[in-house]
C-alpha atoms as a PDB file:
ATOM      1  CA  MET A   1      -0.054   0.256  -0.002  1.00  0.00           C
ATOM      2  CA  ARG A   2       2.950   2.163  -0.653  1.00  0.00           C
ATOM      3  CA  ASN A   3       2.942   4.967  -2.759  1.00  0.00           C
ATOM      4  CA  ALA A   4       4.606   7.800  -3.309  1.00  0.00           C
ATOM      5  CA  LEU A   5       2.227  10.245  -0.824  1.00  0.00           C
ATOM      6  CA  GLY A   6       5.200  10.098   1.809  1.00  0.00           C
ATOM      7  CA  THR A   7       7.653  11.718  -1.180  1.00  0.00           C
ATOM      8  CA  LEU A   8       5.748  14.705  -2.498  1.00  0.00           C
ATOM      9  CA  ILE A   9       5.896  15.970   1.644  1.00  0.00           C
ATOM     10  CA  LEU A  10       9.478  16.160   1.426  1.00  0.00           C
ATOM     11  CA  ALA A  11      11.557  16.617  -1.966  1.00  0.00           C
ATOM     12  CA  THR A  12      11.134  17.426  -5.323  1.00  0.00           C
ATOM     13  CA  LEU A  13       7.893  16.324  -5.078  1.00  0.00           C
ATOM     14  CA  ALA A  14       7.242  15.890  -8.481  1.00  0.00           C
ATOM     15  CA  SER A  15       3.915  12.811  -7.855  1.00  0.00           C
ATOM     16  CA  VAL A  16       0.923  14.130  -9.303  1.00  0.00           C
ATOM     17  CA  HIS A  17      -0.755  13.264  -6.174  1.00  0.00           C
ATOM     18  CA  TRP A  18      -0.662  16.500  -4.901  1.00  0.00           C
ATOM     19  CA  LEU A  19      -3.495  17.553  -7.297  1.00  0.00           C
ATOM     20  CA  ALA A  20      -6.226  15.245  -4.393  1.00  0.00           C
ATOM     21  CA  ALA A  21      -8.015  17.140  -2.212  1.00  0.00           C
ATOM     22  CA  CYS A  22      -6.604  18.282   1.604  1.00  0.00           C
ATOM     23  CA  GLY A  23      -7.915  18.944   4.584  1.00  0.00           C
ATOM     24  CA  SER A  24      -9.076  22.063   6.684  1.00  0.00           C
ATOM     25  CA  ASP A  25      -9.299  25.613   6.282  1.00  0.00           C
ATOM     26  CA  SER A  26      -8.963  25.529  10.143  1.00  0.00           C
ATOM     27  CA  ASP A  27      -6.515  24.881  12.707  1.00  0.00           C
ATOM     28  CA  GLY A  28      -8.957  24.629  15.223  1.00  0.00           C
ATOM     29  CA  ASP A  29      -9.299  26.338  18.729  1.00  0.00           C
ATOM     30  CA  ASP A  30      -5.670  27.687  19.547  1.00  0.00           C
ATOM     31  CA  SER A  31      -4.513  28.972  15.256  1.00  0.00           C
ATOM     32  CA  ASP A  32      -5.489  32.208  13.296  1.00  0.00           C
ATOM     33  CA  ASP A  33      -7.960  32.408  10.776  1.00  0.00           C
ATOM     34  CA  THR A  34      -5.631  32.641   8.193  1.00  0.00           C
ATOM     35  CA  ALA A  35      -7.010  30.050   5.101  1.00  0.00           C
ATOM     36  CA  THR A  36      -5.155  27.194   3.548  1.00  0.00           C
ATOM     37  CA  SER A  37      -5.867  27.666   0.265  1.00  0.00           C
ATOM     38  CA  GLY A  38      -5.174  30.480  -2.360  1.00  0.00           C
ATOM     39  CA  SER A  39      -2.027  32.765  -2.624  1.00  0.00           C
ATOM     40  CA  PRO A  40      -1.437  36.670  -1.237  1.00  0.00           C
ATOM     41  CA  GLU A  41      -0.788  37.259  -5.405  1.00  0.00           C
ATOM     42  CA  PRO A  42      -3.263  36.696  -7.646  1.00  0.00           C
ATOM     43  CA  THR A  43      -1.373  34.382 -10.150  1.00  0.00           C
ATOM     44  CA  GLY A  44      -1.489  30.822  -7.566  1.00  0.00           C
ATOM     45  CA  ALA A  45      -5.239  31.740  -5.931  1.00  0.00           C
ATOM     46  CA  ALA A  46      -8.080  29.571  -5.941  1.00  0.00           C
ATOM     47  CA  CYS A  47     -10.483  29.262  -8.897  1.00  0.00           C
ATOM     48  CA  GLU A  48     -12.810  27.691 -11.288  1.00  0.00           C
ATOM     49  CA  THR A  49     -12.225  30.015 -14.404  1.00  0.00           C
ATOM     50  CA  GLU A  50      -9.689  32.597 -15.731  1.00  0.00           C
ATOM     51  CA  GLY A  51     -12.451  34.954 -15.627  1.00  0.00           C
ATOM     52  CA  GLU A  52     -11.607  35.043 -11.780  1.00  0.00           C
ATOM     53  CA  CYS A  53      -7.959  35.557 -12.008  1.00  0.00           C
ATOM     54  CA  PHE A  54      -6.210  39.227 -12.236  1.00  0.00           C
ATOM     55  CA  PRO A  55      -9.279  40.784 -11.152  1.00  0.00           C
ATOM     56  CA  ASP A  56      -7.187  44.124 -11.041  1.00  0.00           C
ATOM     57  CA  VAL A  57      -6.317  44.274 -14.067  1.00  0.00           C
ATOM     58  CA  ALA A  58      -7.447  46.255 -17.622  1.00  0.00           C
ATOM     59  CA  ASP A  59      -8.427  44.343 -20.197  1.00  0.00           C
ATOM     60  CA  GLY A  60      -5.252  43.567 -22.899  1.00  0.00           C
ATOM     61  CA  GLU A  61      -2.762  44.643 -20.462  1.00  0.00           C
ATOM     62  CA  LEU A  62      -1.694  41.570 -19.175  1.00  0.00           C
ATOM     63  CA  VAL A  63       0.861  39.799 -21.297  1.00  0.00           C
ATOM     64  CA  GLY A  64      -0.551  36.714 -22.025  1.00  0.00           C
ATOM     65  CA  ASP A  65      -3.895  34.579 -21.542  1.00  0.00           C
ATOM     66  CA  ALA A  66      -5.894  34.342 -18.166  1.00  0.00           C
ATOM     67  CA  LEU A  67      -5.732  30.658 -17.254  1.00  0.00           C
ATOM     68  CA  CYS A  68      -6.988  28.754 -14.368  1.00  0.00           C
ATOM     69  CA  LEU A  69      -5.189  25.320 -13.861  1.00  0.00           C
ATOM     70  CA  THR A  70      -7.890  23.940 -12.471  1.00  0.00           C
ATOM     71  CA  ASP A  71      -6.772  20.305 -12.406  1.00  0.00           C
ATOM     72  CA  VAL A  72      -4.241  21.261 -10.010  1.00  0.00           C
ATOM     73  CA  ARG A  73      -6.150  21.044  -5.823  1.00  0.00           C
ATOM     74  CA  GLY A  74      -8.754  24.266  -6.164  1.00  0.00           C
ATOM     75  CA  GLY A  75      -7.175  25.539  -8.634  1.00  0.00           C
ATOM     76  CA  TYR A  76      -4.407  27.987  -9.534  1.00  0.00           C
ATOM     77  CA  CYS A  77      -4.321  31.581 -11.237  1.00  0.00           C
ATOM     78  CA  THR A  78      -1.793  32.350 -13.858  1.00  0.00           C
ATOM     79  CA  HIS A  79      -1.605  33.412 -17.575  1.00  0.00           C
ATOM     80  CA  THR A  80       0.785  32.507 -20.343  1.00  0.00           C
ATOM     81  CA  CYS A  81       4.037  33.749 -20.716  1.00  0.00           C
ATOM     82  CA  THR A  82       7.457  33.435 -22.434  1.00  0.00           C
ATOM     83  CA  ALA A  83      10.028  35.150 -19.519  1.00  0.00           C
ATOM     84  CA  ASP A  84      10.184  35.615 -16.115  1.00  0.00           C
ATOM     85  CA  ALA A  85       9.769  39.194 -17.343  1.00  0.00           C
ATOM     86  CA  ASP A  86       5.944  38.702 -18.457  1.00  0.00           C
ATOM     87  CA  CYS A  87       5.399  38.057 -14.321  1.00  0.00           C
ATOM     88  CA  CYS A  88       3.938  40.660 -13.001  1.00  0.00           C
ATOM     89  CA  ALA A  89       4.432  43.046 -15.877  1.00  0.00           C
ATOM     90  CA  ALA A  90       0.971  44.766 -15.733  1.00  0.00           C
ATOM     91  CA  GLU A  91      -0.285  47.292 -13.080  1.00  0.00           C
ATOM     92  CA  GLY A  92      -2.239  45.467 -10.684  1.00  0.00           C
ATOM     93  CA  GLU A  93      -0.778  42.006 -11.519  1.00  0.00           C
ATOM     94  CA  CYS A  94       0.833  41.600  -7.999  1.00  0.00           C
ATOM     95  CA  LYS A  95       1.102  43.153  -4.654  1.00  0.00           C
ATOM     96  CA  THR A  96       3.907  41.788  -2.852  1.00  0.00           C
ATOM     97  CA  ASP A  97       7.838  41.602  -3.876  1.00  0.00           C
ATOM     98  CA  LEU A  98       7.443  37.169  -3.749  1.00  0.00           C
ATOM     99  CA  ALA A  99       9.858  35.836  -6.847  1.00  0.00           C
ATOM    100  CA  GLN A 100       7.754  34.726  -9.856  1.00  0.00           C
ATOM    101  CA  VAL A 101       9.256  32.430 -13.031  1.00  0.00           C
ATOM    102  CA  CYS A 102       7.895  31.356 -16.361  1.00  0.00           C
ATOM    103  CA  SER A 103       7.540  27.700 -16.722  1.00  0.00           C
ATOM    104  CA  PRO A 104       6.286  24.975 -18.621  1.00  0.00           C
ATOM    105  CA  PHE A 105       4.114  23.126 -16.637  1.00  0.00           C
ATOM    106  CA  GLN A 106       4.002  18.716 -16.808  1.00  0.00           C
ATOM    107  CA  SER A 107       3.220  18.411 -20.436  1.00  0.00           C
ATOM    108  CA  THR A 108       1.014  21.112 -21.738  1.00  0.00           C
ATOM    109  CA  GLY A 109       2.985  22.252 -23.358  1.00  0.00           C
ATOM    110  CA  GLN A 110       2.722  25.752 -22.312  1.00  0.00           C
ATOM    111  CA  THR A 111       5.057  27.745 -20.373  1.00  0.00           C
ATOM    112  CA  MET A 112       3.590  30.013 -17.532  1.00  0.00           C
ATOM    113  CA  CYS A 113       3.622  32.081 -14.486  1.00  0.00           C
ATOM    114  CA  PHE A 114       4.328  30.658 -10.987  1.00  0.00           C
ATOM    115  CA  LEU A 115       5.039  31.540  -7.492  1.00  0.00           C
ATOM    116  CA  SER A 116       8.982  30.970  -7.253  1.00  0.00           C
ATOM    117  CA  CYS A 117      11.213  28.711  -5.315  1.00  0.00           C
ATOM    118  CA  GLU A 118      13.757  28.352  -6.930  1.00  0.00           C
ATOM    119  CA  ALA A 119      17.218  28.400  -4.527  1.00  0.00           C
ATOM    120  CA  GLU A 120      18.444  32.049  -5.639  1.00  0.00           C
ATOM    121  CA  ASP A 121      14.454  33.308  -4.988  1.00  0.00           C
ATOM    122  CA  ILE A 122      14.407  32.345  -1.335  1.00  0.00           C
ATOM    123  CA  PRO A 123      16.424  34.520   1.422  1.00  0.00           C
ATOM    124  CA  ASP A 124      18.337  33.069   4.112  1.00  0.00           C
ATOM    125  CA  ASP A 125      18.672  29.837   2.466  1.00  0.00           C
ATOM    126  CA  ARG A 126      15.131  29.065   3.945  1.00  0.00           C
ATOM    127  CA  ASP A 127      14.277  25.369   3.298  1.00  0.00           C
ATOM    128  CA  GLU A 128      12.240  25.718   0.459  1.00  0.00           C
ATOM    129  CA  GLN A 129       9.220  23.729   1.692  1.00  0.00           C
ATOM    130  CA  GLU A 130       8.142  26.380   4.876  1.00  0.00           C
ATOM    131  CA  TYR A 131       9.201  29.044   2.240  1.00  0.00           C
ATOM    132  CA  CYS A 132       5.877  28.087   0.407  1.00  0.00           C
ATOM    133  CA  GLN A 133       4.396  27.267   3.762  1.00  0.00           C
ATOM    134  CA  ALA A 134       4.485  30.804   5.254  1.00  0.00           C
ATOM    135  CA  GLU A 135       4.909  33.379   2.093  1.00  0.00           C
ATOM    136  CA  ALA A 136       2.265  31.044   0.264  1.00  0.00           C
ATOM    137  CA  SER A 137      -0.322  29.068   1.907  1.00  0.00           C
ATOM    138  CA  ARG A 138       0.594  26.390   4.820  1.00  0.00           C
ATOM    139  CA  ASP A 139      -1.075  23.930   1.825  1.00  0.00           C
ATOM    140  CA  PHE A 140       1.694  24.591  -0.846  1.00  0.00           C
ATOM    141  CA  ILE A 141       4.729  22.777  -1.602  1.00  0.00           C
ATOM    142  CA  CYS A 142       7.942  23.435  -3.691  1.00  0.00           C
ATOM    143  CA  ARG A 143       7.733  20.870  -6.446  1.00  0.00           C
ATOM    144  CA  SER A 144       9.679  20.677  -9.705  1.00  0.00           C
ATOM    145  CA  SER A 145       7.083  22.191 -12.242  1.00  0.00           C
ATOM    146  CA  GLY A 146       7.489  18.887 -14.862  1.00  0.00           C
ATOM    147  CA  GLY A 147       8.072  19.856 -18.897  1.00  0.00           C
ATOM    148  CA  GLY A 148      11.168  18.666 -19.194  1.00  0.00           C
ATOM    149  CA  SER A 149      14.789  20.080 -18.760  1.00  0.00           C
ATOM    150  CA  ASN A 150      13.277  23.868 -18.535  1.00  0.00           C
ATOM    151  CA  ASN A 151      11.595  22.814 -15.333  1.00  0.00           C
ATOM    152  CA  ARG A 152      11.252  25.045 -12.722  1.00  0.00           C
ATOM    153  CA  LYS A 153      10.961  24.688  -8.742  1.00  0.00           C
ATOM    154  CA  VAL A 154       7.379  26.186  -8.338  1.00  0.00           C
ATOM    155  CA  CYS A 155       4.911  26.510  -5.260  1.00  0.00           C
ATOM    156  CA  VAL A 156       1.547  25.241  -5.636  1.00  0.00           C
ATOM    157  CA  PRO A 157      -0.727  23.344  -3.783  1.00  0.00           C
ATOM    158  CA  GLY A 158       0.024  20.021  -2.168  1.00  0.00           C
ATOM    159  CA  ASP A 159      -2.306  17.099  -0.929  1.00  0.00           C
ATOM    160  CA  CYS A 160      -2.608  17.783   2.458  1.00  0.00           C
ATOM    161  CA  GLY A 161      -3.560  13.519   3.593  1.00  0.00           C
ATOM    162  CA  VAL A 162      -2.221  12.250   6.045  1.00  0.00           C
ATOM    163  CA  GLY A 163      -0.833  14.598   8.934  1.00  0.00           C
ATOM    164  CA  ALA A 164      -3.343  17.858   8.296  1.00  0.00           C
ATOM    165  CA  ALA A 165      -4.973  19.533  10.333  1.00  0.00           C
ATOM    166  CA  CYS A 166      -8.581  18.668  11.110  1.00  0.00           C
ATOM    167  CA  ASP A 167     -12.212  19.542  13.047  1.00  0.00           C
ATOM    168  CA  SER A 168     -13.946  16.074  11.879  1.00  0.00           C
ATOM    169  CA  ASP A 169     -13.483  14.111   9.929  1.00  0.00           C
ATOM    170  CA  ALA A 170     -14.996  16.089   7.011  1.00  0.00           C
ATOM    171  CA  ASP A 171     -12.171  17.963   7.126  1.00  0.00           C
ATOM    172  CA  CYS A 172      -9.747  15.190   6.186  1.00  0.00           C
ATOM    173  CA  SER A 173      -9.635  13.888   1.929  1.00  0.00           C
ATOM    174  CA  GLY A 174     -10.646  10.444   1.004  1.00  0.00           C
ATOM    175  CA  ASP A 175     -11.321   8.226   3.522  1.00  0.00           C
ATOM    176  CA  LEU A 176      -9.108   9.740   6.654  1.00  0.00           C
ATOM    177  CA  GLU A 177     -10.502  10.435   9.864  1.00  0.00           C
ATOM    178  CA  CYS A 178      -9.948  13.647  12.055  1.00  0.00           C
ATOM    179  CA  ALA A 179      -8.140  12.518  15.226  1.00  0.00           C
ATOM    180  CA  ILE A 180      -9.514  15.145  17.533  1.00  0.00           C
ATOM    181  CA  ASP A 181      -7.793  14.487  20.479  1.00  0.00           C
ATOM    182  CA  ALA A 182      -4.632  15.807  19.029  1.00  0.00           C
ATOM    183  CA  ARG A 183      -4.339  19.244  19.037  1.00  0.00           C
ATOM    184  CA  GLY A 184      -5.667  21.238  15.736  1.00  0.00           C
ATOM    185  CA  GLY A 185      -6.548  17.270  15.380  1.00  0.00           C
ATOM    186  CA  TYR A 186      -4.574  15.633  12.649  1.00  0.00           C
ATOM    187  CA  CYS A 187      -6.224  13.291   9.860  1.00  0.00           C
ATOM    188  CA  THR A 188      -4.869  10.036   9.843  1.00  0.00           C
ATOM    189  CA  VAL A 189      -6.585   6.719   9.914  1.00  0.00           C
ATOM    190  CA  THR A 190      -6.961   5.149  13.288  1.00  0.00           C
ATOM    191  CA  GLY A 191      -6.697   1.295  14.874  1.00  0.00           C
ATOM    192  CA  CYS A 192      -3.975   0.073  12.108  1.00  0.00           C
ATOM    193  CA  SER A 193      -2.612  -3.667  13.322  1.00  0.00           C
ATOM    194  CA  SER A 194       0.536  -2.688  11.077  1.00  0.00           C
ATOM    195  CA  SER A 195       1.658   0.019   8.440  1.00  0.00           C
ATOM    196  CA  ASP A 196       0.090  -2.263   6.257  1.00  0.00           C
ATOM    197  CA  ASP A 197      -3.142  -0.720   6.702  1.00  0.00           C
ATOM    198  CA  CYS A 198      -2.070   2.598   5.847  1.00  0.00           C
ATOM    199  CA  PRO A 199      -1.625   4.992   3.105  1.00  0.00           C
ATOM    200  CA  GLY A 200       1.402   5.969   0.851  1.00  0.00           C
ATOM    201  CA  ASP A 201       3.998   5.460   2.829  1.00  0.00           C
ATOM    202  CA  THR A 202       2.961   6.442   6.767  1.00  0.00           C
ATOM    203  CA  ARG A 203       3.859   4.556   9.254  1.00  0.00           C
ATOM    204  CA  CYS A 204       1.148   2.514  11.772  1.00  0.00           C
ATOM    205  CA  VAL A 205       2.346   3.663  15.435  1.00  0.00           C
ATOM    206  CA  ARG A 206       1.171   3.779  18.967  1.00  0.00           C
ATOM    207  CA  TRP A 207      -0.183   5.944  21.146  1.00  0.00           C
ATOM    208  CA  GLY A 208      -0.769   6.042  23.932  1.00  0.00           C
ATOM    209  CA  ASP A 209      -0.999   2.579  25.766  1.00  0.00           C
ATOM    210  CA  ALA A 210      -3.882   0.736  22.883  1.00  0.00           C
ATOM    211  CA  GLU A 211      -4.556   3.474  19.885  1.00  0.00           C
ATOM    212  CA  THR A 212      -2.751   2.965  17.330  1.00  0.00           C
ATOM    213  CA  TYR A 213      -2.645   5.665  14.204  1.00  0.00           C
ATOM    214  CA  CYS A 214      -1.037   6.110  10.913  1.00  0.00           C
ATOM    215  CA  ALA A 215       1.675   8.725  10.990  1.00  0.00           C
ATOM    216  CA  ALA A 216       2.935  11.132   8.203  1.00  0.00           C
ATOM    217  CA  PRO A 217       6.614  10.441   7.215  1.00  0.00           C
ATOM    218  CA  CYS A 218       9.353  13.572   8.123  1.00  0.00           C
ATOM    219  CA  GLN A 219      12.832  14.527   6.927  1.00  0.00           C
ATOM    220  CA  ALA A 220      12.249  17.852   8.085  1.00  0.00           C
ATOM    221  CA  ASP A 221      10.394  20.184  10.843  1.00  0.00           C
ATOM    222  CA  SER A 222       8.127  21.560   7.644  1.00  0.00           C
ATOM    223  CA  ASP A 223       6.807  18.542   6.718  1.00  0.00           C
ATOM    224  CA  CYS A 224       5.559  18.740   9.978  1.00  0.00           C
ATOM    225  CA  SER A 225       3.277  21.937   9.377  1.00  0.00           C
ATOM    226  CA  PHE A 226       2.434  21.034   6.414  1.00  0.00           C
ATOM    227  CA  CYS A 227      -1.582  21.789   6.285  1.00  0.00           C
ATOM    228  CA  ARG A 228      -0.984  22.813   9.480  1.00  0.00           C
ATOM    229  CA  GLY A 229       0.917  25.965  10.371  1.00  0.00           C
ATOM    230  CA  ASP A 230       4.038  26.547  12.430  1.00  0.00           C
ATOM    231  CA  ASP A 231       1.813  26.659  15.868  1.00  0.00           C
ATOM    232  CA  LEU A 232       0.050  23.342  14.982  1.00  0.00           C
ATOM    233  CA  ARG A 233       3.466  21.566  14.102  1.00  0.00           C
ATOM    234  CA  ALA A 234       3.656  18.142  15.032  1.00  0.00           C
ATOM    235  CA  THR A 235       7.275  16.544  15.817  1.00  0.00           C
ATOM    236  CA  CYS A 236       9.022  14.923  13.456  1.00  0.00           C
ATOM    237  CA  THR A 237      10.835  11.830  15.142  1.00  0.00           C
ATOM    238  CA  ALA A 238      11.632   8.471  15.211  1.00  0.00           C
ATOM    239  CA  ASP A 239      11.485   7.733  18.821  1.00  0.00           C
ATOM    240  CA  THR A 240       8.036   6.749  18.866  1.00  0.00           C
ATOM    241  CA  ASP A 241       6.981   3.283  19.536  1.00  0.00           C
ATOM    242  CA  PHE A 242       6.026   1.148  15.834  1.00  0.00           C
ATOM    243  CA  VAL A 243       3.752  -1.381  15.942  1.00  0.00           C
ATOM    244  CA  ASP A 244       5.641  -3.172  13.329  1.00  0.00           C
ATOM    245  CA  ASP A 245       8.616  -4.071  15.483  1.00  0.00           C
ATOM    246  CA  ASP A 246      10.855  -5.357  12.497  1.00  0.00           C
ATOM    247  CA  GLU A 247      10.709  -2.003  10.470  1.00  0.00           C
ATOM    248  CA  ALA A 248      13.286   0.353  10.042  1.00  0.00           C
ATOM    249  CA  PRO A 249      12.644   3.526  12.039  1.00  0.00           C
ATOM    250  CA  VAL A 250      11.396   6.262  10.031  1.00  0.00           C
ATOM    251  CA  GLU A 251      10.967  10.045  11.311  1.00  0.00           C
ATOM    252  CA  VAL A 252       7.114  10.110  11.427  1.00  0.00           C
ATOM    253  CA  CYS A 253       4.853  13.367  12.114  1.00  0.00           C
ATOM    254  CA  VAL A 254       3.714  12.846  15.611  1.00  0.00           C
ATOM    255  CA  PRO A 255       0.991  15.594  17.556  1.00  0.00           C
ATOM    256  CA  SER A 256       0.656  16.596  21.034  1.00  0.00           C
ATOM    257  CA  ARG A 257      -1.972  16.361  22.988  1.00  0.00           C
END
């Protein structure tokens, strides 16, 4: 039952699993009210049609054609381009100083504007995943745009999946349930008897004397604030009780109670 869910959160994140539904738009009682989807820029804003994108740009001023990437979870406002300079070229197009790049995307055959998470655009050597979460949205990831040798590193919505904050089961994607005993909630599968019962690369761990649940794998702190925010960050640790005793220990995101 292993698939690319774990690697989606961790590294270049080129898998298509990021198209799936996300978890809660709420962090729970202890969090702020910041929405988890969308972007501080018109580029990356959630959308259903291109007519919703770039509302402050006068007709004919956008350098390229407005697009709503509806195969991205929640939609992603962008426009076609031929160079980085085409992004933010129109008056009213950009509201912040966040860098954007003109990049191919998957196999669309087009180049379009995206929020950048390339190393030269991230100040102070920040973690690229933390950067997208903090500067774009806490359910955005840094991934390769695809499209061959000219692909770029871009901030786009990810698959919240296991580990997302939640208030109820309805906030979790697929068949995941909300473990409300965890601070901020934790989308998971409870009652697992081994990691084979868990989705993707998640692992079955014990919580307390008898409870078991599936925990998201991690390699960095930013993996445990993904779809949660810093105020509800889970702990990335291998110091937990794995149900499968013969399984090689890995670090997983363990929430606090």
